[in-house]
């Protein structure tokens, strides 16, 4: 089954098409353009370059968060629109899982993807490479960078750190015991990393329709917090 995947949960944007057997194509950009100005152009360019149409797609995959509030909404809105018009289901996948899957840790290493949650906090979760598979060992949560540093430094194995919060905390991370920062090409989430978990969700009957997919923010946006203050 052909899957079209999209991610705009960080400053980067990417789209990919693949199935059980191969990755047919992917476009990844990290440039100073708004996601809303480029995402559908990336979809159109990718499909044209691989000689496919939206009608060829059997299901869609998208990161649902946590991450950039605006970015998450943009990718989800685009995929919901495509899903509705095509009448095909969606796999909603954690952006932290997407980031961890693309970080390529060695056997036995753990992965801590960290996405910027502002202040001194990060969105994070723990994963491990077990027999060549990236396995989740902790749920998505908000954590201070200091607490994460303690966890990584006390880890019995090397820990790969990836995600956009690396840009803010690189010097701090470099001082941690057992921490290895992912290389630049594996640092941010990529749409191609959504294809394998989307296929697994399809096999498990966990796909949903365009009306029922919702974002996972873990924290209210600043605009929502400001509005709540005005009501008090």
N, C-alpha and C. Protein backbone atom coordinates (compact mmCIF):
# COMPACT_ATOMS: atom_id res chain seq x y z
N UNK A 1 0.84 -1.19 0.00
CA UNK A 1 0.00 0.00 0.00
C UNK A 1 0.88 1.25 0.00
N UNK A 2 0.63 2.16 -0.90
CA UNK A 2 1.39 3.40 -0.97
C UNK A 2 0.97 4.36 0.14
N UNK A 3 1.98 4.94 0.79
CA UNK A 3 1.74 5.87 1.89
C UNK A 3 2.37 7.21 1.52
N UNK A 4 1.60 8.28 1.71
CA UNK A 4 2.15 9.63 1.60
C UNK A 4 2.26 10.18 3.02
N UNK A 5 3.47 10.54 3.42
CA UNK A 5 3.74 11.01 4.78
C UNK A 5 4.20 12.45 4.75
N UNK A 6 3.86 13.19 5.80
CA UNK A 6 4.26 14.60 5.89
C UNK A 6 4.63 14.95 7.33
N UNK A 7 5.64 15.80 7.47
CA UNK A 7 6.04 16.28 8.79
C UNK A 7 6.43 17.74 8.72
N UNK A 8 5.84 18.56 9.61
CA UNK A 8 6.27 19.95 9.79
C UNK A 8 6.28 20.28 11.28
N UNK A 9 6.67 19.33 12.10
CA UNK A 9 6.62 19.52 13.55
C UNK A 9 7.78 20.35 14.09
N UNK A 10 8.80 20.61 13.25
CA UNK A 10 9.92 21.45 13.64
C UNK A 10 10.13 22.50 12.54
N UNK A 11 11.30 23.13 12.52
CA UNK A 11 11.58 24.13 11.51
C UNK A 11 11.74 23.51 10.12
N UNK A 12 11.99 22.21 10.07
CA UNK A 12 12.12 21.53 8.78
C UNK A 12 10.76 21.04 8.31
N UNK A 13 10.65 20.85 7.00
CA UNK A 13 9.43 20.29 6.40
C UNK A 13 9.83 19.18 5.46
N UNK A 14 9.08 18.08 5.46
CA UNK A 14 9.40 16.98 4.55
C UNK A 14 8.15 16.21 4.20
N UNK A 15 8.18 15.62 3.01
CA UNK A 15 7.12 14.73 2.53
C UNK A 15 7.80 13.51 1.91
N UNK A 16 7.12 12.37 1.98
CA UNK A 16 7.70 11.14 1.44
C UNK A 16 6.59 10.23 0.96
N UNK A 17 6.93 9.37 0.00
CA UNK A 17 6.01 8.34 -0.48
C UNK A 17 6.76 7.02 -0.46
N UNK A 18 6.15 6.00 0.14
CA UNK A 18 6.76 4.68 0.20
C UNK A 18 5.73 3.61 0.47
N UNK A 19 6.16 2.37 0.46
CA UNK A 19 5.29 1.25 0.80
C UNK A 19 6.08 0.20 1.57
N UNK A 20 5.58 -1.02 1.61
CA UNK A 20 6.24 -2.09 2.36
C UNK A 20 7.62 -2.43 1.81
N UNK A 21 7.85 -2.14 0.55
CA UNK A 21 9.06 -2.59 -0.12
C UNK A 21 10.12 -1.54 -0.35
N UNK A 22 9.71 -0.26 -0.50
CA UNK A 22 10.71 0.74 -0.84
C UNK A 22 10.22 2.15 -0.55
N UNK A 23 11.18 3.05 -0.47
CA UNK A 23 10.91 4.48 -0.41
C UNK A 23 11.02 5.01 -1.83
N UNK A 24 9.91 5.51 -2.37
CA UNK A 24 9.90 5.97 -3.77
C UNK A 24 10.48 7.38 -3.90
N UNK A 25 10.32 8.17 -2.87
CA UNK A 25 10.88 9.52 -2.94
C UNK A 25 10.62 10.29 -1.67
N UNK A 26 11.48 11.29 -1.44
CA UNK A 26 11.32 12.16 -0.27
C UNK A 26 11.88 13.53 -0.62
N UNK A 27 11.20 14.57 -0.15
CA UNK A 27 11.72 15.93 -0.25
C UNK A 27 11.81 16.48 1.16
N UNK A 28 12.98 16.98 1.52
CA UNK A 28 13.24 17.52 2.85
C UNK A 28 13.84 18.92 2.68
N UNK A 29 13.29 19.89 3.40
CA UNK A 29 13.83 21.24 3.34
C UNK A 29 13.93 21.82 4.74
N UNK A 30 14.95 22.61 4.96
CA UNK A 30 15.11 23.34 6.21
C UNK A 30 15.61 24.73 5.84
N UNK A 31 14.68 25.54 5.38
CA UNK A 31 15.00 26.88 4.90
C UNK A 31 13.99 27.87 5.50
N UNK A 32 14.28 29.15 5.36
CA UNK A 32 13.44 30.16 6.00
C UNK A 32 12.22 30.49 5.15
N UNK A 33 11.32 29.52 5.08
CA UNK A 33 10.01 29.72 4.47
C UNK A 33 8.97 29.15 5.40
N UNK A 34 7.81 29.78 5.43
CA UNK A 34 6.74 29.27 6.27
C UNK A 34 6.25 27.93 5.73
N UNK A 35 5.95 27.00 6.65
CA UNK A 35 5.44 25.70 6.23
C UNK A 35 4.19 25.84 5.38
N UNK A 36 3.35 26.82 5.71
CA UNK A 36 2.11 27.00 4.96
C UNK A 36 2.37 27.43 3.52
N UNK A 37 3.55 28.00 3.27
CA UNK A 37 3.89 28.47 1.93
C UNK A 37 4.53 27.39 1.06
N UNK A 38 4.93 26.28 1.67
CA UNK A 38 5.70 25.31 0.89
C UNK A 38 5.20 23.88 0.94
N UNK A 39 4.41 23.51 1.96
CA UNK A 39 4.11 22.09 2.13
C UNK A 39 3.40 21.49 0.93
N UNK A 40 2.33 22.11 0.46
CA UNK A 40 1.59 21.53 -0.66
C UNK A 40 2.42 21.56 -1.95
N UNK A 41 3.31 22.54 -2.07
CA UNK A 41 4.21 22.55 -3.23
C UNK A 41 5.16 21.34 -3.16
N UNK A 42 5.61 21.00 -1.94
CA UNK A 42 6.47 19.83 -1.79
C UNK A 42 5.73 18.55 -2.17
N UNK A 43 4.47 18.46 -1.75
CA UNK A 43 3.65 17.28 -2.11
C UNK A 43 3.50 17.18 -3.62
N UNK A 44 3.15 18.29 -4.26
CA UNK A 44 2.97 18.29 -5.71
C UNK A 44 4.26 17.93 -6.43
N UNK A 45 5.37 18.54 -6.00
CA UNK A 45 6.66 18.27 -6.64
C UNK A 45 7.06 16.81 -6.49
N UNK A 46 6.86 16.25 -5.31
CA UNK A 46 7.25 14.87 -5.08
C UNK A 46 6.43 13.92 -5.95
N UNK A 47 5.13 14.09 -5.94
CA UNK A 47 4.28 13.19 -6.74
C UNK A 47 4.61 13.30 -8.23
N UNK A 48 4.85 14.50 -8.70
CA UNK A 48 5.19 14.69 -10.12
C UNK A 48 6.53 14.01 -10.44
N UNK A 49 7.49 14.17 -9.54
CA UNK A 49 8.83 13.61 -9.81
C UNK A 49 8.86 12.09 -9.79
N UNK A 50 7.96 11.47 -9.03
CA UNK A 50 7.95 9.99 -8.99
C UNK A 50 6.84 9.42 -9.88
N UNK A 51 6.15 10.29 -10.61
CA UNK A 51 5.16 9.84 -11.57
C UNK A 51 3.91 9.25 -10.94
N UNK A 52 3.48 9.81 -9.81
CA UNK A 52 2.28 9.32 -9.13
C UNK A 52 1.28 10.44 -8.93
N UNK A 53 0.04 10.05 -8.57
CA UNK A 53 -1.03 10.99 -8.29
C UNK A 53 -1.60 10.69 -6.92
N UNK A 54 -2.33 11.66 -6.38
CA UNK A 54 -2.97 11.45 -5.08
C UNK A 54 -3.86 10.22 -5.12
N UNK A 55 -4.48 9.95 -6.24
CA UNK A 55 -5.34 8.78 -6.36
C UNK A 55 -4.61 7.46 -6.20
N UNK A 56 -3.29 7.48 -6.35
CA UNK A 56 -2.50 6.25 -6.18
C UNK A 56 -2.22 5.94 -4.71
N UNK A 57 -2.42 6.93 -3.84
CA UNK A 57 -2.08 6.79 -2.43
C UNK A 57 -3.16 5.99 -1.69
N UNK A 58 -2.71 5.00 -0.91
CA UNK A 58 -3.66 4.17 -0.18
C UNK A 58 -3.93 4.63 1.24
N UNK A 59 -3.00 5.40 1.82
CA UNK A 59 -3.19 5.95 3.15
C UNK A 59 -2.20 7.08 3.37
N UNK A 60 -2.45 7.86 4.40
CA UNK A 60 -1.60 9.01 4.71
C UNK A 60 -1.02 8.85 6.11
N UNK A 61 0.10 9.49 6.36
CA UNK A 61 0.73 9.49 7.68
C UNK A 61 1.20 10.90 7.99
N UNK A 62 1.07 11.29 9.26
CA UNK A 62 1.45 12.64 9.66
C UNK A 62 1.88 12.63 11.12
N UNK A 63 2.81 13.51 11.47
CA UNK A 63 3.17 13.69 12.87
C UNK A 63 2.10 14.53 13.55
N UNK A 64 1.69 14.10 14.75
CA UNK A 64 0.60 14.78 15.46
C UNK A 64 1.11 15.60 16.63
N UNK A 65 2.43 15.62 16.85
CA UNK A 65 2.99 16.35 17.96
C UNK A 65 3.66 15.39 18.93
N UNK A 66 4.28 15.95 19.94
CA UNK A 66 4.43 17.37 20.24
C UNK A 66 5.44 18.04 19.33
N UNK A 67 5.51 19.37 19.46
CA UNK A 67 6.43 20.13 18.63
C UNK A 67 5.90 21.54 18.42
N UNK A 68 6.25 22.14 17.32
CA UNK A 68 5.78 23.48 16.98
C UNK A 68 4.26 23.48 16.84
N UNK A 69 3.57 24.31 17.62
CA UNK A 69 2.12 24.34 17.57
C UNK A 69 1.63 24.64 16.15
N UNK A 70 2.21 25.66 15.55
CA UNK A 70 1.78 26.05 14.19
C UNK A 70 2.15 24.98 13.18
N UNK A 71 3.36 24.45 13.28
CA UNK A 71 3.80 23.43 12.34
C UNK A 71 2.93 22.19 12.38
N UNK A 72 2.59 21.74 13.58
CA UNK A 72 1.75 20.55 13.70
C UNK A 72 0.41 20.77 13.02
N UNK A 73 -0.18 21.94 13.24
CA UNK A 73 -1.49 22.22 12.65
C UNK A 73 -1.43 22.26 11.13
N UNK A 74 -0.33 22.79 10.58
CA UNK A 74 -0.23 22.91 9.13
C UNK A 74 -0.18 21.55 8.45
N UNK A 75 0.68 20.65 8.93
CA UNK A 75 0.78 19.33 8.32
C UNK A 75 -0.52 18.55 8.50
N UNK A 76 -1.12 18.64 9.69
CA UNK A 76 -2.35 17.91 9.94
C UNK A 76 -3.49 18.42 9.06
N UNK A 77 -3.59 19.73 8.90
CA UNK A 77 -4.64 20.29 8.04
C UNK A 77 -4.47 19.83 6.60
N UNK A 78 -3.23 19.83 6.12
CA UNK A 78 -2.96 19.40 4.75
C UNK A 78 -3.33 17.94 4.55
N UNK A 79 -2.89 17.09 5.47
CA UNK A 79 -3.15 15.66 5.34
C UNK A 79 -4.64 15.35 5.52
N UNK A 80 -5.30 16.06 6.43
CA UNK A 80 -6.74 15.86 6.60
C UNK A 80 -7.49 16.21 5.32
N UNK A 81 -7.07 17.29 4.66
CA UNK A 81 -7.71 17.67 3.40
C UNK A 81 -7.49 16.64 2.31
N UNK A 82 -6.27 16.15 2.20
CA UNK A 82 -5.96 15.13 1.20
C UNK A 82 -6.70 13.84 1.50
N UNK A 83 -6.74 13.47 2.78
CA UNK A 83 -7.43 12.24 3.19
C UNK A 83 -8.92 12.32 2.89
N UNK A 84 -9.51 13.46 3.17
CA UNK A 84 -10.95 13.61 2.93
C UNK A 84 -11.28 13.54 1.44
N UNK A 85 -10.46 14.20 0.63
CA UNK A 85 -10.74 14.19 -0.81
C UNK A 85 -10.49 12.84 -1.44
N UNK A 86 -9.51 12.09 -0.90
CA UNK A 86 -9.19 10.78 -1.46
C UNK A 86 -9.99 9.66 -0.82
N UNK A 87 -10.61 9.94 0.33
CA UNK A 87 -11.36 8.90 1.02
C UNK A 87 -10.47 7.81 1.60
N UNK A 88 -9.27 8.19 2.04
CA UNK A 88 -8.31 7.22 2.56
C UNK A 88 -7.95 7.55 4.02
N UNK A 89 -7.58 6.55 4.82
CA UNK A 89 -7.32 6.77 6.26
C UNK A 89 -5.96 7.40 6.53
N UNK A 90 -5.79 7.75 7.81
CA UNK A 90 -4.57 8.43 8.27
C UNK A 90 -3.97 7.67 9.45
N UNK A 91 -2.65 7.65 9.49
CA UNK A 91 -1.91 7.19 10.67
C UNK A 91 -1.32 8.43 11.34
N UNK A 92 -1.70 8.67 12.58
CA UNK A 92 -1.15 9.78 13.34
C UNK A 92 -0.04 9.28 14.25
N UNK A 93 1.15 9.84 14.12
CA UNK A 93 2.34 9.30 14.80
C UNK A 93 3.06 10.41 15.56
N UNK A 94 3.57 10.09 16.72
CA UNK A 94 4.30 11.04 17.54
C UNK A 94 5.51 11.59 16.79
N UNK A 95 5.69 12.90 16.88
CA UNK A 95 6.85 13.51 16.25
C UNK A 95 8.15 13.08 16.94
N UNK A 96 8.08 12.77 18.22
CA UNK A 96 9.25 12.26 18.93
C UNK A 96 9.63 10.87 18.42
N UNK A 97 8.63 10.04 18.18
CA UNK A 97 8.91 8.71 17.62
C UNK A 97 9.50 8.84 16.22
N UNK A 98 8.95 9.75 15.43
CA UNK A 98 9.48 9.98 14.08
C UNK A 98 10.95 10.39 14.15
N UNK A 99 11.27 11.28 15.06
CA UNK A 99 12.65 11.74 15.21
C UNK A 99 13.57 10.60 15.65
N UNK A 100 13.10 9.81 16.62
CA UNK A 100 13.91 8.70 17.12
C UNK A 100 14.17 7.66 16.04
N UNK A 101 13.17 7.37 15.22
CA UNK A 101 13.31 6.35 14.19
C UNK A 101 14.36 6.73 13.14
N UNK A 102 14.53 8.02 12.93
CA UNK A 102 15.50 8.46 11.92
C UNK A 102 16.89 8.69 12.44
N UNK A 103 17.10 8.50 13.75
CA UNK A 103 18.39 8.86 14.35
C UNK A 103 19.46 7.77 14.23
N UNK A 104 19.06 6.55 13.86
CA UNK A 104 19.97 5.44 13.58
C UNK A 104 20.94 5.14 14.71
N UNK A 105 20.44 4.83 15.92
CA UNK A 105 21.35 4.43 17.00
C UNK A 105 21.92 3.04 16.76
N UNK A 106 23.04 2.76 17.35
CA UNK A 106 23.63 1.42 17.25
C UNK A 106 22.89 0.46 18.19
N UNK A 107 23.09 -0.83 17.99
CA UNK A 107 22.45 -1.84 18.83
C UNK A 107 22.77 -1.58 20.31
N UNK A 108 21.71 -1.57 21.14
CA UNK A 108 21.88 -1.38 22.57
C UNK A 108 21.87 0.07 23.02
N UNK A 109 22.02 1.00 22.11
CA UNK A 109 21.99 2.40 22.48
C UNK A 109 20.55 2.87 22.70
N UNK A 110 20.40 3.89 23.53
CA UNK A 110 19.09 4.51 23.69
C UNK A 110 19.04 5.81 22.89
N UNK A 111 17.83 6.30 22.69
CA UNK A 111 17.61 7.55 21.96
C UNK A 111 16.70 8.45 22.78
N UNK A 112 17.11 9.69 22.95
CA UNK A 112 16.27 10.71 23.57
C UNK A 112 16.04 11.82 22.54
N UNK A 113 14.96 11.79 21.76
CA UNK A 113 14.65 12.92 20.91
C UNK A 113 14.17 14.07 21.78
N UNK A 114 14.62 15.28 21.50
CA UNK A 114 14.21 16.45 22.29
C UNK A 114 13.74 17.55 21.35
N UNK A 115 12.51 17.97 21.53
CA UNK A 115 11.93 19.06 20.76
C UNK A 115 11.69 20.25 21.69
N UNK A 116 11.89 21.42 21.16
CA UNK A 116 11.87 22.65 21.96
C UNK A 116 10.48 22.90 22.55
N UNK A 117 10.41 22.96 23.89
CA UNK A 117 9.15 23.27 24.58
C UNK A 117 9.21 24.65 25.24
N UNK A 118 10.20 25.45 24.86
CA UNK A 118 10.40 26.79 25.39
C UNK A 118 10.89 26.73 26.83
N UNK A 119 11.18 27.91 27.38
CA UNK A 119 11.77 28.03 28.71
C UNK A 119 13.01 27.12 28.76
N UNK A 120 13.15 26.31 29.78
CA UNK A 120 14.26 25.36 29.84
C UNK A 120 13.76 23.94 29.73
N UNK A 121 12.63 23.77 29.03
CA UNK A 121 11.98 22.47 28.92
C UNK A 121 12.09 21.90 27.51
N UNK A 122 11.96 20.59 27.43
CA UNK A 122 11.92 19.90 26.14
C UNK A 122 10.78 18.88 26.16
N UNK A 123 10.24 18.62 24.98
CA UNK A 123 9.37 17.46 24.80
C UNK A 123 10.30 16.28 24.53
N UNK A 124 10.09 15.18 25.22
CA UNK A 124 11.01 14.07 25.03
C UNK A 124 10.36 12.73 25.36
N UNK A 125 11.03 11.67 25.02
CA UNK A 125 10.64 10.30 25.34
C UNK A 125 11.89 9.45 25.14
N UNK A 126 11.87 8.27 25.70
CA UNK A 126 13.05 7.39 25.60
C UNK A 126 12.75 6.20 24.70
N UNK A 127 13.71 5.88 23.84
CA UNK A 127 13.62 4.74 22.93
C UNK A 127 14.92 3.95 23.02
N UNK A 128 14.88 2.69 22.61
CA UNK A 128 16.09 1.85 22.57
C UNK A 128 16.15 1.09 21.26
N UNK A 129 17.37 0.81 20.83
CA UNK A 129 17.58 -0.08 19.70
C UNK A 129 17.72 -1.50 20.24
N UNK A 130 16.71 -2.32 20.02
CA UNK A 130 16.73 -3.72 20.45
C UNK A 130 16.61 -4.63 19.23
N UNK A 131 17.67 -5.35 18.95
CA UNK A 131 17.68 -6.27 17.81
C UNK A 131 17.31 -5.57 16.51
N UNK A 132 17.80 -4.36 16.34
CA UNK A 132 17.58 -3.62 15.11
C UNK A 132 16.27 -2.88 15.02
N UNK A 133 15.47 -2.92 16.08
CA UNK A 133 14.19 -2.20 16.10
C UNK A 133 14.24 -1.09 17.15
N UNK A 134 13.67 0.06 16.81
CA UNK A 134 13.60 1.17 17.76
C UNK A 134 12.34 0.99 18.59
N UNK A 135 12.51 0.71 19.88
CA UNK A 135 11.42 0.40 20.78
C UNK A 135 11.21 1.54 21.78
N UNK A 136 9.98 1.96 21.93
CA UNK A 136 9.67 2.99 22.91
C UNK A 136 9.72 2.39 24.32
N UNK A 137 10.37 3.09 25.25
CA UNK A 137 10.42 2.64 26.64
C UNK A 137 9.79 3.65 27.59
N UNK A 138 9.51 4.87 27.13
CA UNK A 138 8.82 5.87 27.94
C UNK A 138 7.88 6.67 27.04
N UNK A 139 6.79 7.14 27.62
CA UNK A 139 5.82 7.93 26.88
C UNK A 139 6.30 9.37 26.69
N UNK A 140 5.71 10.06 25.73
CA UNK A 140 6.04 11.46 25.48
C UNK A 140 5.71 12.30 26.72
N UNK A 141 6.59 13.23 27.04
CA UNK A 141 6.37 14.08 28.21
C UNK A 141 7.17 15.36 28.08
N UNK A 142 6.91 16.30 28.97
CA UNK A 142 7.72 17.50 29.10
C UNK A 142 8.71 17.30 30.23
N UNK A 143 9.97 17.68 30.00
CA UNK A 143 11.01 17.47 31.00
C UNK A 143 11.97 18.66 30.95
N UNK A 144 12.50 19.05 32.08
CA UNK A 144 13.51 20.10 32.08
C UNK A 144 14.81 19.53 31.51
N UNK A 145 15.59 20.39 30.92
CA UNK A 145 16.85 19.94 30.33
C UNK A 145 17.80 19.42 31.42
N UNK A 146 17.66 19.95 32.65
CA UNK A 146 18.49 19.48 33.75
C UNK A 146 18.13 18.05 34.14
N UNK A 147 16.84 17.75 34.21
CA UNK A 147 16.41 16.39 34.55
C UNK A 147 16.85 15.40 33.49
N UNK A 148 16.71 15.80 32.22
CA UNK A 148 17.14 14.92 31.15
C UNK A 148 18.64 14.64 31.24
N UNK A 149 19.40 15.68 31.55
CA UNK A 149 20.85 15.50 31.68
C UNK A 149 21.20 14.47 32.74
N UNK A 150 20.47 14.48 33.85
CA UNK A 150 20.71 13.50 34.91
C UNK A 150 20.40 12.08 34.44
N UNK A 151 19.31 11.93 33.69
CA UNK A 151 18.93 10.62 33.18
C UNK A 151 19.97 10.09 32.19
N UNK A 152 20.40 10.94 31.29
CA UNK A 152 21.37 10.53 30.28
C UNK A 152 22.71 10.19 30.93
N UNK A 153 23.15 11.03 31.85
CA UNK A 153 24.46 10.82 32.49
C UNK A 153 24.50 9.55 33.33
N UNK A 154 23.33 9.12 33.82
CA UNK A 154 23.29 7.91 34.63
C UNK A 154 22.91 6.67 33.82
N UNK A 155 22.78 6.81 32.51
CA UNK A 155 22.39 5.70 31.65
C UNK A 155 23.51 4.66 31.57
N UNK A 156 23.17 3.37 31.54
CA UNK A 156 24.19 2.33 31.40
C UNK A 156 24.71 2.19 29.97
N UNK A 157 24.07 2.90 29.02
CA UNK A 157 24.49 2.80 27.62
C UNK A 157 24.59 4.19 27.01
N UNK A 158 25.21 4.27 25.85
CA UNK A 158 25.27 5.53 25.12
C UNK A 158 23.86 5.97 24.74
N UNK A 159 23.64 7.29 24.73
CA UNK A 159 22.34 7.86 24.39
C UNK A 159 22.49 8.82 23.22
N UNK A 160 21.78 8.56 22.15
CA UNK A 160 21.76 9.47 21.00
C UNK A 160 20.74 10.57 21.27
N UNK A 161 21.15 11.81 21.13
CA UNK A 161 20.26 12.95 21.33
C UNK A 161 19.99 13.59 19.98
N UNK A 162 18.71 13.71 19.63
CA UNK A 162 18.34 14.32 18.36
C UNK A 162 17.17 15.27 18.59
N UNK A 163 16.80 16.04 17.58
CA UNK A 163 15.68 16.97 17.71
C UNK A 163 16.12 18.42 17.67
N UNK A 164 15.15 19.31 17.47
CA UNK A 164 15.50 20.72 17.27
C UNK A 164 15.99 21.42 18.54
N UNK A 165 15.69 20.87 19.73
CA UNK A 165 16.20 21.48 20.95
C UNK A 165 17.71 21.35 21.08
N UNK A 166 18.32 20.48 20.28
CA UNK A 166 19.78 20.39 20.26
C UNK A 166 20.39 21.73 19.89
N UNK A 167 19.73 22.49 19.01
CA UNK A 167 20.28 23.78 18.60
C UNK A 167 20.39 24.74 19.79
N UNK A 168 19.45 24.66 20.73
CA UNK A 168 19.47 25.53 21.91
C UNK A 168 20.42 25.04 22.97
N UNK A 169 20.52 23.72 23.12
CA UNK A 169 21.22 23.15 24.27
C UNK A 169 22.47 22.35 23.91
N UNK A 170 23.03 22.59 22.74
CA UNK A 170 24.17 21.78 22.29
C UNK A 170 25.32 21.79 23.29
N UNK A 171 25.68 22.96 23.79
CA UNK A 171 26.81 23.03 24.73
C UNK A 171 26.50 22.25 26.01
N UNK A 172 25.28 22.37 26.48
CA UNK A 172 24.88 21.63 27.69
C UNK A 172 24.94 20.13 27.45
N UNK A 173 24.39 19.69 26.33
CA UNK A 173 24.36 18.26 26.00
C UNK A 173 25.77 17.71 25.86
N UNK A 174 26.65 18.50 25.28
CA UNK A 174 28.03 18.05 25.08
C UNK A 174 28.76 17.76 26.39
N UNK A 175 28.24 18.33 27.49
CA UNK A 175 28.88 18.11 28.79
C UNK A 175 28.35 16.88 29.51
N UNK A 176 27.30 16.25 28.97
CA UNK A 176 26.70 15.09 29.64
C UNK A 176 27.52 13.83 29.40
N UNK A 177 27.62 13.01 30.42
CA UNK A 177 28.19 11.67 30.26
C UNK A 177 27.25 10.83 29.39
N UNK A 178 27.81 10.04 28.51
CA UNK A 178 27.07 9.07 27.68
C UNK A 178 26.28 9.68 26.53
N UNK A 179 26.31 10.99 26.34
CA UNK A 179 25.51 11.63 25.30
C UNK A 179 26.26 11.71 23.98
N UNK A 180 25.56 11.37 22.90
CA UNK A 180 26.09 11.50 21.54
C UNK A 180 25.05 12.25 20.72
N UNK A 181 25.41 13.39 20.19
CA UNK A 181 24.47 14.16 19.37
C UNK A 181 24.41 13.57 17.97
N UNK A 182 23.21 13.35 17.48
CA UNK A 182 23.02 12.78 16.15
C UNK A 182 23.64 13.69 15.09
N UNK A 183 24.14 13.12 13.99
CA UNK A 183 24.68 13.95 12.91
C UNK A 183 23.60 14.81 12.28
N UNK A 184 24.00 15.85 11.59
CA UNK A 184 23.06 16.85 11.07
C UNK A 184 21.96 16.23 10.22
N UNK A 185 22.30 15.24 9.39
CA UNK A 185 21.30 14.66 8.49
C UNK A 185 20.30 13.76 9.21
N UNK A 186 20.57 13.45 10.49
CA UNK A 186 19.67 12.60 11.27
C UNK A 186 19.12 13.33 12.50
N UNK A 187 19.27 14.63 12.51
CA UNK A 187 18.94 15.40 13.71
C UNK A 187 17.45 15.69 13.86
N UNK A 188 16.77 16.01 12.76
CA UNK A 188 15.37 16.41 12.80
C UNK A 188 14.46 15.33 12.24
N UNK A 189 13.17 15.36 12.61
CA UNK A 189 12.23 14.37 12.06
C UNK A 189 12.16 14.44 10.54
N UNK A 190 11.96 13.28 9.91
CA UNK A 190 11.81 13.21 8.46
C UNK A 190 10.58 12.38 8.14
N UNK A 191 9.85 12.78 7.10
CA UNK A 191 8.60 12.11 6.75
C UNK A 191 8.81 10.63 6.43
N UNK A 192 9.96 10.27 5.86
CA UNK A 192 10.20 8.87 5.50
C UNK A 192 10.19 7.96 6.72
N UNK A 193 10.49 8.51 7.90
CA UNK A 193 10.49 7.70 9.12
C UNK A 193 9.08 7.35 9.58
N UNK A 194 8.07 7.96 8.98
CA UNK A 194 6.68 7.69 9.35
C UNK A 194 6.12 6.46 8.64
N UNK A 195 6.76 6.01 7.58
CA UNK A 195 6.18 4.96 6.76
C UNK A 195 6.10 3.63 7.49
N UNK A 196 7.18 3.22 8.15
CA UNK A 196 7.18 1.93 8.86
C UNK A 196 6.15 1.88 9.98
N UNK A 197 6.10 2.89 10.88
CA UNK A 197 5.07 2.83 11.92
C UNK A 197 3.65 2.94 11.37
N UNK A 198 3.47 3.65 10.25
CA UNK A 198 2.14 3.74 9.63
C UNK A 198 1.69 2.37 9.13
N UNK A 199 2.61 1.62 8.53
CA UNK A 199 2.29 0.27 8.07
C UNK A 199 1.92 -0.63 9.25
N UNK A 200 2.65 -0.48 10.36
CA UNK A 200 2.35 -1.29 11.54
C UNK A 200 0.98 -0.93 12.10
N UNK A 201 0.64 0.35 12.12
CA UNK A 201 -0.67 0.77 12.59
C UNK A 201 -1.77 0.24 11.69
N UNK A 202 -1.50 0.18 10.39
CA UNK A 202 -2.48 -0.37 9.45
C UNK A 202 -2.74 -1.84 9.75
N UNK A 203 -1.66 -2.59 9.99
CA UNK A 203 -1.80 -4.02 10.29
C UNK A 203 -2.56 -4.24 11.61
N UNK A 204 -2.41 -3.30 12.54
CA UNK A 204 -3.06 -3.43 13.84
C UNK A 204 -4.45 -2.80 13.88
N UNK A 205 -4.90 -2.27 12.74
CA UNK A 205 -6.22 -1.66 12.68
C UNK A 205 -6.34 -0.36 13.45
N UNK A 206 -5.27 0.41 13.51
CA UNK A 206 -5.25 1.64 14.31
C UNK A 206 -5.33 2.91 13.46
N UNK A 207 -5.66 2.78 12.18
CA UNK A 207 -5.81 3.97 11.35
C UNK A 207 -7.11 4.67 11.70
N UNK A 208 -7.16 5.98 11.45
CA UNK A 208 -8.37 6.75 11.74
C UNK A 208 -8.73 7.59 10.53
N UNK A 209 -9.95 8.14 10.55
CA UNK A 209 -10.37 8.97 9.43
C UNK A 209 -10.01 10.42 9.71
N UNK A 210 -10.22 11.27 8.69
CA UNK A 210 -9.77 12.66 8.77
C UNK A 210 -10.52 13.46 9.83
N UNK A 211 -11.70 13.00 10.26
CA UNK A 211 -12.49 13.75 11.23
C UNK A 211 -12.06 13.46 12.68
N UNK A 212 -11.29 12.43 12.89
CA UNK A 212 -10.97 12.01 14.25
C UNK A 212 -9.51 12.17 14.65
N UNK A 213 -8.67 12.61 13.74
CA UNK A 213 -7.27 12.81 14.11
C UNK A 213 -7.12 14.16 14.81
N UNK A 214 -6.39 14.17 15.93
CA UNK A 214 -6.24 15.40 16.72
C UNK A 214 -4.76 15.59 17.07
N UNK A 215 -4.35 16.84 17.26
CA UNK A 215 -2.95 17.09 17.64
C UNK A 215 -2.68 16.73 19.09
N UNK A 216 -1.42 16.45 19.40
CA UNK A 216 -0.98 16.17 20.76
C UNK A 216 0.05 17.24 21.12
N UNK A 217 -0.38 18.23 21.91
CA UNK A 217 0.50 19.34 22.22
C UNK A 217 1.29 19.15 23.51
N UNK A 218 0.72 18.46 24.51
CA UNK A 218 1.28 18.27 25.85
C UNK A 218 1.26 19.55 26.68
N UNK A 219 1.25 20.71 26.03
CA UNK A 219 1.22 22.00 26.73
C UNK A 219 0.37 22.96 25.93
N UNK A 220 -0.33 23.84 26.62
CA UNK A 220 -1.10 24.85 25.92
C UNK A 220 -0.18 25.85 25.22
N UNK A 221 -0.66 26.38 24.11
CA UNK A 221 0.12 27.41 23.42
C UNK A 221 0.14 28.68 24.26
N UNK A 222 1.08 29.57 23.99
CA UNK A 222 1.16 30.83 24.72
C UNK A 222 -0.10 31.66 24.51
N UNK A 223 -0.66 31.59 23.30
CA UNK A 223 -1.89 32.34 23.00
C UNK A 223 -3.04 31.85 23.88
N UNK A 224 -3.13 30.52 24.07
CA UNK A 224 -4.17 29.96 24.93
C UNK A 224 -3.96 30.35 26.38
N UNK A 225 -2.72 30.34 26.82
CA UNK A 225 -2.41 30.73 28.20
C UNK A 225 -2.75 32.19 28.44
N UNK A 226 -2.43 33.05 27.47
CA UNK A 226 -2.73 34.48 27.60
C UNK A 226 -4.23 34.71 27.65
N UNK A 227 -4.98 33.97 26.84
CA UNK A 227 -6.44 34.11 26.82
C UNK A 227 -7.04 33.68 28.16
N UNK A 228 -6.49 32.62 28.75
CA UNK A 228 -6.98 32.15 30.05
C UNK A 228 -6.74 33.21 31.12
N UNK A 229 -5.59 33.88 31.06
CA UNK A 229 -5.29 34.92 32.03
C UNK A 229 -6.29 36.08 31.94
N UNK A 230 -6.69 36.41 30.70
CA UNK A 230 -7.64 37.51 30.50
C UNK A 230 -9.01 37.18 31.08
N UNK A 231 -9.34 35.90 31.10
CA UNK A 231 -10.64 35.48 31.62
C UNK A 231 -10.70 35.52 33.13
N UNK A 232 -9.50 35.46 33.76
CA UNK A 232 -9.47 35.42 35.24
C UNK A 232 -9.71 36.80 35.86
